[in-house]
N, C-alpha and C. Protein backbone atom coordinates (compact mmCIF):
# COMPACT_ATOMS: atom_id res chain seq x y z
N MET A 1 10.85 41.94 3.18
CA MET A 1 10.42 41.35 1.94
C MET A 1 11.06 39.96 1.77
N ARG A 2 12.30 39.85 2.17
CA ARG A 2 13.01 38.59 2.03
C ARG A 2 12.37 37.50 2.90
N ILE A 3 11.93 37.86 4.10
CA ILE A 3 11.28 36.90 5.00
C ILE A 3 9.96 36.44 4.39
N ALA A 4 9.22 37.35 3.81
CA ALA A 4 7.94 36.99 3.18
C ALA A 4 8.17 36.01 2.04
N SER A 5 9.22 36.21 1.27
CA SER A 5 9.55 35.29 0.17
C SER A 5 9.90 33.92 0.70
N LEU A 6 10.67 33.87 1.77
CA LEU A 6 11.04 32.59 2.37
C LEU A 6 9.82 31.86 2.92
N ILE A 7 8.92 32.59 3.53
CA ILE A 7 7.69 31.99 4.05
C ILE A 7 6.85 31.43 2.90
N ALA A 8 6.76 32.16 1.81
CA ALA A 8 5.99 31.70 0.65
C ALA A 8 6.60 30.43 0.06
N VAL A 9 7.91 30.39 -0.05
CA VAL A 9 8.60 29.20 -0.58
C VAL A 9 8.37 28.01 0.34
N ALA A 10 8.46 28.22 1.64
CA ALA A 10 8.24 27.13 2.60
C ALA A 10 6.80 26.62 2.51
N ALA A 11 5.84 27.50 2.37
CA ALA A 11 4.44 27.09 2.27
C ALA A 11 4.21 26.26 1.01
N LEU A 12 4.81 26.66 -0.10
CA LEU A 12 4.68 25.90 -1.34
C LEU A 12 5.33 24.52 -1.21
N ALA A 13 6.46 24.44 -0.54
CA ALA A 13 7.14 23.16 -0.35
C ALA A 13 6.30 22.21 0.49
N ILE A 14 5.68 22.74 1.53
CA ILE A 14 4.83 21.90 2.39
C ILE A 14 3.60 21.45 1.62
N ALA A 15 2.98 22.33 0.86
CA ALA A 15 1.81 21.96 0.07
C ALA A 15 2.17 20.91 -0.97
N GLY A 16 3.32 21.04 -1.60
CA GLY A 16 3.77 20.06 -2.59
C GLY A 16 4.01 18.70 -1.98
N ALA A 17 4.59 18.67 -0.79
CA ALA A 17 4.85 17.40 -0.12
C ALA A 17 3.54 16.73 0.27
N ALA A 18 2.57 17.48 0.70
CA ALA A 18 1.28 16.90 1.08
C ALA A 18 0.57 16.31 -0.13
N SER A 19 0.64 16.98 -1.27
CA SER A 19 -0.05 16.48 -2.46
C SER A 19 0.70 15.32 -3.10
N ALA A 20 1.98 15.13 -2.76
CA ALA A 20 2.78 14.05 -3.33
C ALA A 20 2.59 12.73 -2.61
N GLN A 21 1.86 12.72 -1.50
CA GLN A 21 1.64 11.47 -0.78
C GLN A 21 0.86 10.52 -1.68
N SER A 22 1.23 9.24 -1.63
CA SER A 22 0.59 8.27 -2.50
C SER A 22 -0.80 7.90 -1.97
N PRO A 23 -1.71 7.53 -2.89
CA PRO A 23 -3.04 7.10 -2.49
C PRO A 23 -2.98 5.83 -1.65
N ALA A 24 -4.09 5.46 -1.09
CA ALA A 24 -4.18 4.34 -0.16
C ALA A 24 -3.70 3.02 -0.76
N THR A 25 -2.94 2.31 0.03
CA THR A 25 -2.48 0.96 -0.29
C THR A 25 -2.85 0.10 0.92
N SER A 26 -3.75 -0.87 0.70
CA SER A 26 -4.21 -1.67 1.82
C SER A 26 -4.70 -3.03 1.33
N LEU A 27 -4.92 -3.93 2.28
CA LEU A 27 -5.45 -5.24 1.95
C LEU A 27 -6.13 -5.83 3.17
N THR A 28 -6.90 -6.89 2.93
CA THR A 28 -7.47 -7.68 4.01
C THR A 28 -7.12 -9.13 3.74
N LEU A 29 -6.48 -9.76 4.70
CA LEU A 29 -6.10 -11.17 4.55
C LEU A 29 -7.33 -12.06 4.73
N GLN A 30 -7.40 -13.14 3.96
CA GLN A 30 -8.50 -14.09 4.13
C GLN A 30 -8.39 -14.80 5.47
N ASN A 31 -7.18 -15.10 5.90
CA ASN A 31 -6.94 -15.79 7.17
C ASN A 31 -6.34 -14.78 8.14
N ALA A 32 -7.18 -14.15 8.94
CA ALA A 32 -6.71 -13.12 9.88
C ALA A 32 -5.70 -13.68 10.87
N ALA A 33 -5.82 -14.94 11.21
CA ALA A 33 -4.90 -15.56 12.17
C ALA A 33 -3.47 -15.59 11.63
N ALA A 34 -3.33 -15.52 10.31
CA ALA A 34 -2.00 -15.56 9.70
C ALA A 34 -1.37 -14.17 9.56
N ALA A 35 -2.06 -13.14 10.04
CA ALA A 35 -1.52 -11.78 9.93
C ALA A 35 -0.20 -11.67 10.68
N PRO A 36 0.85 -11.18 10.01
CA PRO A 36 2.13 -11.04 10.69
C PRO A 36 2.05 -10.02 11.82
N THR A 37 2.75 -10.29 12.90
CA THR A 37 2.75 -9.36 14.03
C THR A 37 3.80 -8.27 13.85
N ALA A 38 4.81 -8.54 13.06
CA ALA A 38 5.86 -7.55 12.78
C ALA A 38 5.64 -6.97 11.38
N PRO A 39 6.05 -5.73 11.14
CA PRO A 39 5.94 -5.16 9.80
C PRO A 39 6.69 -6.03 8.78
N THR A 40 6.12 -6.13 7.58
CA THR A 40 6.72 -6.91 6.51
C THR A 40 6.92 -6.01 5.30
N VAL A 41 8.13 -5.98 4.76
CA VAL A 41 8.43 -5.14 3.60
C VAL A 41 8.39 -5.99 2.34
N VAL A 42 7.57 -5.56 1.37
CA VAL A 42 7.47 -6.22 0.08
C VAL A 42 7.61 -5.14 -0.99
N ASP A 43 8.61 -5.26 -1.83
CA ASP A 43 8.85 -4.31 -2.92
C ASP A 43 8.85 -2.85 -2.47
N GLY A 44 9.45 -2.59 -1.33
CA GLY A 44 9.59 -1.22 -0.84
C GLY A 44 8.41 -0.68 -0.07
N VAL A 45 7.38 -1.48 0.14
CA VAL A 45 6.22 -1.05 0.91
C VAL A 45 6.24 -1.79 2.25
N ASN A 46 6.10 -1.04 3.32
CA ASN A 46 6.10 -1.59 4.68
C ASN A 46 4.65 -1.90 5.06
N TRP A 47 4.32 -3.20 5.12
CA TRP A 47 2.97 -3.64 5.45
C TRP A 47 2.86 -3.85 6.95
N ARG A 48 1.87 -3.22 7.56
CA ARG A 48 1.58 -3.38 8.99
C ARG A 48 0.16 -3.91 9.11
N CYS A 49 0.04 -5.05 9.78
CA CYS A 49 -1.25 -5.73 9.87
C CYS A 49 -1.80 -5.72 11.29
N GLU A 50 -3.11 -5.64 11.37
CA GLU A 50 -3.83 -5.75 12.64
C GLU A 50 -4.21 -7.21 12.84
N SER A 51 -4.59 -7.56 14.05
CA SER A 51 -4.96 -8.94 14.35
C SER A 51 -6.22 -9.39 13.61
N ASN A 52 -7.01 -8.44 13.08
CA ASN A 52 -8.22 -8.79 12.33
C ASN A 52 -7.93 -9.05 10.85
N GLY A 53 -6.65 -8.98 10.44
CA GLY A 53 -6.26 -9.27 9.07
C GLY A 53 -6.23 -8.07 8.15
N THR A 54 -6.56 -6.89 8.67
CA THR A 54 -6.50 -5.67 7.88
C THR A 54 -5.07 -5.14 7.91
N CYS A 55 -4.52 -4.87 6.73
CA CYS A 55 -3.14 -4.40 6.63
C CYS A 55 -3.09 -3.11 5.82
N VAL A 56 -2.18 -2.23 6.20
CA VAL A 56 -1.96 -0.96 5.51
C VAL A 56 -0.52 -0.93 5.04
N GLY A 57 -0.33 -0.56 3.79
CA GLY A 57 1.01 -0.44 3.23
C GLY A 57 1.48 1.00 3.26
N VAL A 58 2.68 1.22 3.76
CA VAL A 58 3.26 2.55 3.85
C VAL A 58 4.56 2.57 3.07
N GLY A 59 4.71 3.58 2.25
CA GLY A 59 5.93 3.72 1.45
C GLY A 59 5.59 3.76 -0.02
N ARG A 60 6.49 4.28 -0.77
CA ARG A 60 6.26 4.47 -2.20
C ARG A 60 6.20 3.15 -2.97
N GLY A 61 7.09 2.24 -2.66
CA GLY A 61 7.11 0.96 -3.37
C GLY A 61 7.59 1.10 -4.80
N THR A 62 7.61 0.00 -5.50
CA THR A 62 8.07 -0.01 -6.89
C THR A 62 6.92 0.31 -7.84
N GLU A 63 7.27 0.82 -9.01
CA GLU A 63 6.27 1.10 -10.04
C GLU A 63 5.87 -0.24 -10.66
N GLN A 64 4.63 -0.63 -10.47
CA GLN A 64 4.12 -1.87 -11.04
C GLN A 64 2.59 -1.82 -11.03
N PRO A 65 1.97 -2.62 -11.89
CA PRO A 65 0.51 -2.66 -11.88
C PRO A 65 -0.01 -3.24 -10.57
N ALA A 66 -1.23 -2.88 -10.22
CA ALA A 66 -1.83 -3.36 -8.98
C ALA A 66 -1.92 -4.89 -8.96
N THR A 67 -2.18 -5.50 -10.11
CA THR A 67 -2.30 -6.96 -10.15
C THR A 67 -0.97 -7.64 -9.82
N ARG A 68 0.12 -7.09 -10.30
CA ARG A 68 1.43 -7.67 -9.99
C ARG A 68 1.78 -7.42 -8.52
N ALA A 69 1.50 -6.23 -8.03
CA ALA A 69 1.77 -5.93 -6.62
C ALA A 69 1.00 -6.90 -5.73
N CYS A 70 -0.23 -7.20 -6.10
CA CYS A 70 -1.04 -8.13 -5.33
C CYS A 70 -0.37 -9.51 -5.28
N ARG A 71 0.06 -10.02 -6.42
CA ARG A 71 0.72 -11.34 -6.45
C ARG A 71 1.96 -11.36 -5.58
N ARG A 72 2.73 -10.29 -5.61
CA ARG A 72 3.97 -10.22 -4.83
C ARG A 72 3.66 -10.21 -3.33
N VAL A 73 2.63 -9.48 -2.93
CA VAL A 73 2.25 -9.40 -1.52
C VAL A 73 1.64 -10.72 -1.05
N VAL A 74 0.77 -11.29 -1.86
CA VAL A 74 0.13 -12.56 -1.49
C VAL A 74 1.17 -13.66 -1.31
N ALA A 75 2.22 -13.64 -2.13
CA ALA A 75 3.28 -14.64 -1.99
C ALA A 75 3.96 -14.55 -0.62
N GLN A 76 3.96 -13.36 -0.02
CA GLN A 76 4.60 -13.15 1.29
C GLN A 76 3.63 -13.27 2.46
N LEU A 77 2.40 -12.74 2.29
CA LEU A 77 1.47 -12.63 3.42
C LEU A 77 0.33 -13.63 3.40
N GLY A 78 -0.01 -14.15 2.23
CA GLY A 78 -1.13 -15.08 2.12
C GLY A 78 -2.28 -14.47 1.33
N ALA A 79 -3.29 -15.30 1.07
CA ALA A 79 -4.44 -14.91 0.25
C ALA A 79 -5.16 -13.70 0.84
N VAL A 80 -5.72 -12.89 -0.07
CA VAL A 80 -6.42 -11.66 0.34
C VAL A 80 -7.87 -11.68 -0.11
N SER A 81 -8.71 -10.98 0.64
CA SER A 81 -10.11 -10.82 0.25
C SER A 81 -10.36 -9.42 -0.30
N SER A 82 -9.41 -8.51 -0.10
CA SER A 82 -9.44 -7.19 -0.72
C SER A 82 -8.01 -6.72 -0.90
N PHE A 83 -7.80 -5.90 -1.94
CA PHE A 83 -6.46 -5.38 -2.20
C PHE A 83 -6.58 -4.06 -2.94
N SER A 84 -5.89 -3.04 -2.44
CA SER A 84 -5.87 -1.72 -3.06
C SER A 84 -4.42 -1.28 -3.17
N TRP A 85 -3.99 -0.89 -4.36
CA TRP A 85 -2.62 -0.46 -4.62
C TRP A 85 -2.65 0.95 -5.16
N ARG A 86 -2.13 1.89 -4.38
CA ARG A 86 -2.08 3.30 -4.79
C ARG A 86 -3.45 3.83 -5.20
N GLY A 87 -4.46 3.45 -4.43
CA GLY A 87 -5.80 3.93 -4.67
C GLY A 87 -6.62 3.14 -5.67
N ARG A 88 -6.02 2.12 -6.29
CA ARG A 88 -6.75 1.28 -7.26
C ARG A 88 -7.09 -0.05 -6.62
N SER A 89 -8.39 -0.31 -6.44
CA SER A 89 -8.85 -1.55 -5.82
C SER A 89 -9.07 -2.62 -6.88
N LEU A 90 -8.70 -3.84 -6.56
CA LEU A 90 -8.93 -4.96 -7.47
C LEU A 90 -10.36 -5.47 -7.31
N ASP A 91 -10.95 -5.91 -8.42
CA ASP A 91 -12.30 -6.48 -8.36
C ASP A 91 -12.20 -7.97 -8.02
N ALA A 92 -13.36 -8.62 -7.89
CA ALA A 92 -13.40 -10.02 -7.45
C ALA A 92 -12.62 -10.95 -8.38
N ALA A 93 -12.74 -10.75 -9.68
CA ALA A 93 -12.01 -11.61 -10.64
C ALA A 93 -10.50 -11.40 -10.52
N GLN A 94 -10.08 -10.16 -10.37
CA GLN A 94 -8.65 -9.87 -10.21
C GLN A 94 -8.11 -10.44 -8.91
N LEU A 95 -8.90 -10.38 -7.83
CA LEU A 95 -8.47 -10.96 -6.54
C LEU A 95 -8.31 -12.46 -6.67
N ALA A 96 -9.27 -13.12 -7.32
CA ALA A 96 -9.19 -14.57 -7.50
C ALA A 96 -7.94 -14.94 -8.30
N ALA A 97 -7.69 -14.20 -9.38
CA ALA A 97 -6.49 -14.47 -10.19
C ALA A 97 -5.22 -14.23 -9.39
N CYS A 98 -5.21 -13.18 -8.58
CA CYS A 98 -4.05 -12.88 -7.75
C CYS A 98 -3.77 -14.00 -6.76
N ASN A 99 -4.81 -14.42 -6.06
CA ASN A 99 -4.63 -15.48 -5.05
C ASN A 99 -4.20 -16.79 -5.68
N THR A 100 -4.73 -17.11 -6.87
CA THR A 100 -4.38 -18.36 -7.56
C THR A 100 -2.95 -18.32 -8.07
N ALA A 101 -2.57 -17.21 -8.70
CA ALA A 101 -1.24 -17.08 -9.29
C ALA A 101 -0.15 -17.08 -8.23
N ALA A 102 -0.42 -16.45 -7.11
CA ALA A 102 0.60 -16.34 -6.06
C ALA A 102 0.72 -17.60 -5.23
N GLY A 103 -0.35 -18.39 -5.20
CA GLY A 103 -0.36 -19.57 -4.36
C GLY A 103 0.28 -20.72 -5.01
């Protein structure tokens, strides 16, 4: 009985960890040639970029609105044509404001 309880607790812990993963955080740089070849950390998120300018952010990062996160990332990596922070994608007007404010 004790082993069954331990197995049940372990299964719940694994399920909880899987559901606690943060939603997608990603971006596309306007200038793919400027994509960093090494991972870049901005506000606790480790950004890894491909040569085509597509970047994926890994890590929890700081609690902040998507618009602020965009400005912080753009200041480090350059202008973006798409930006998603924890599953929330910015629209065209928000992207334009982000690129202007950070530049």
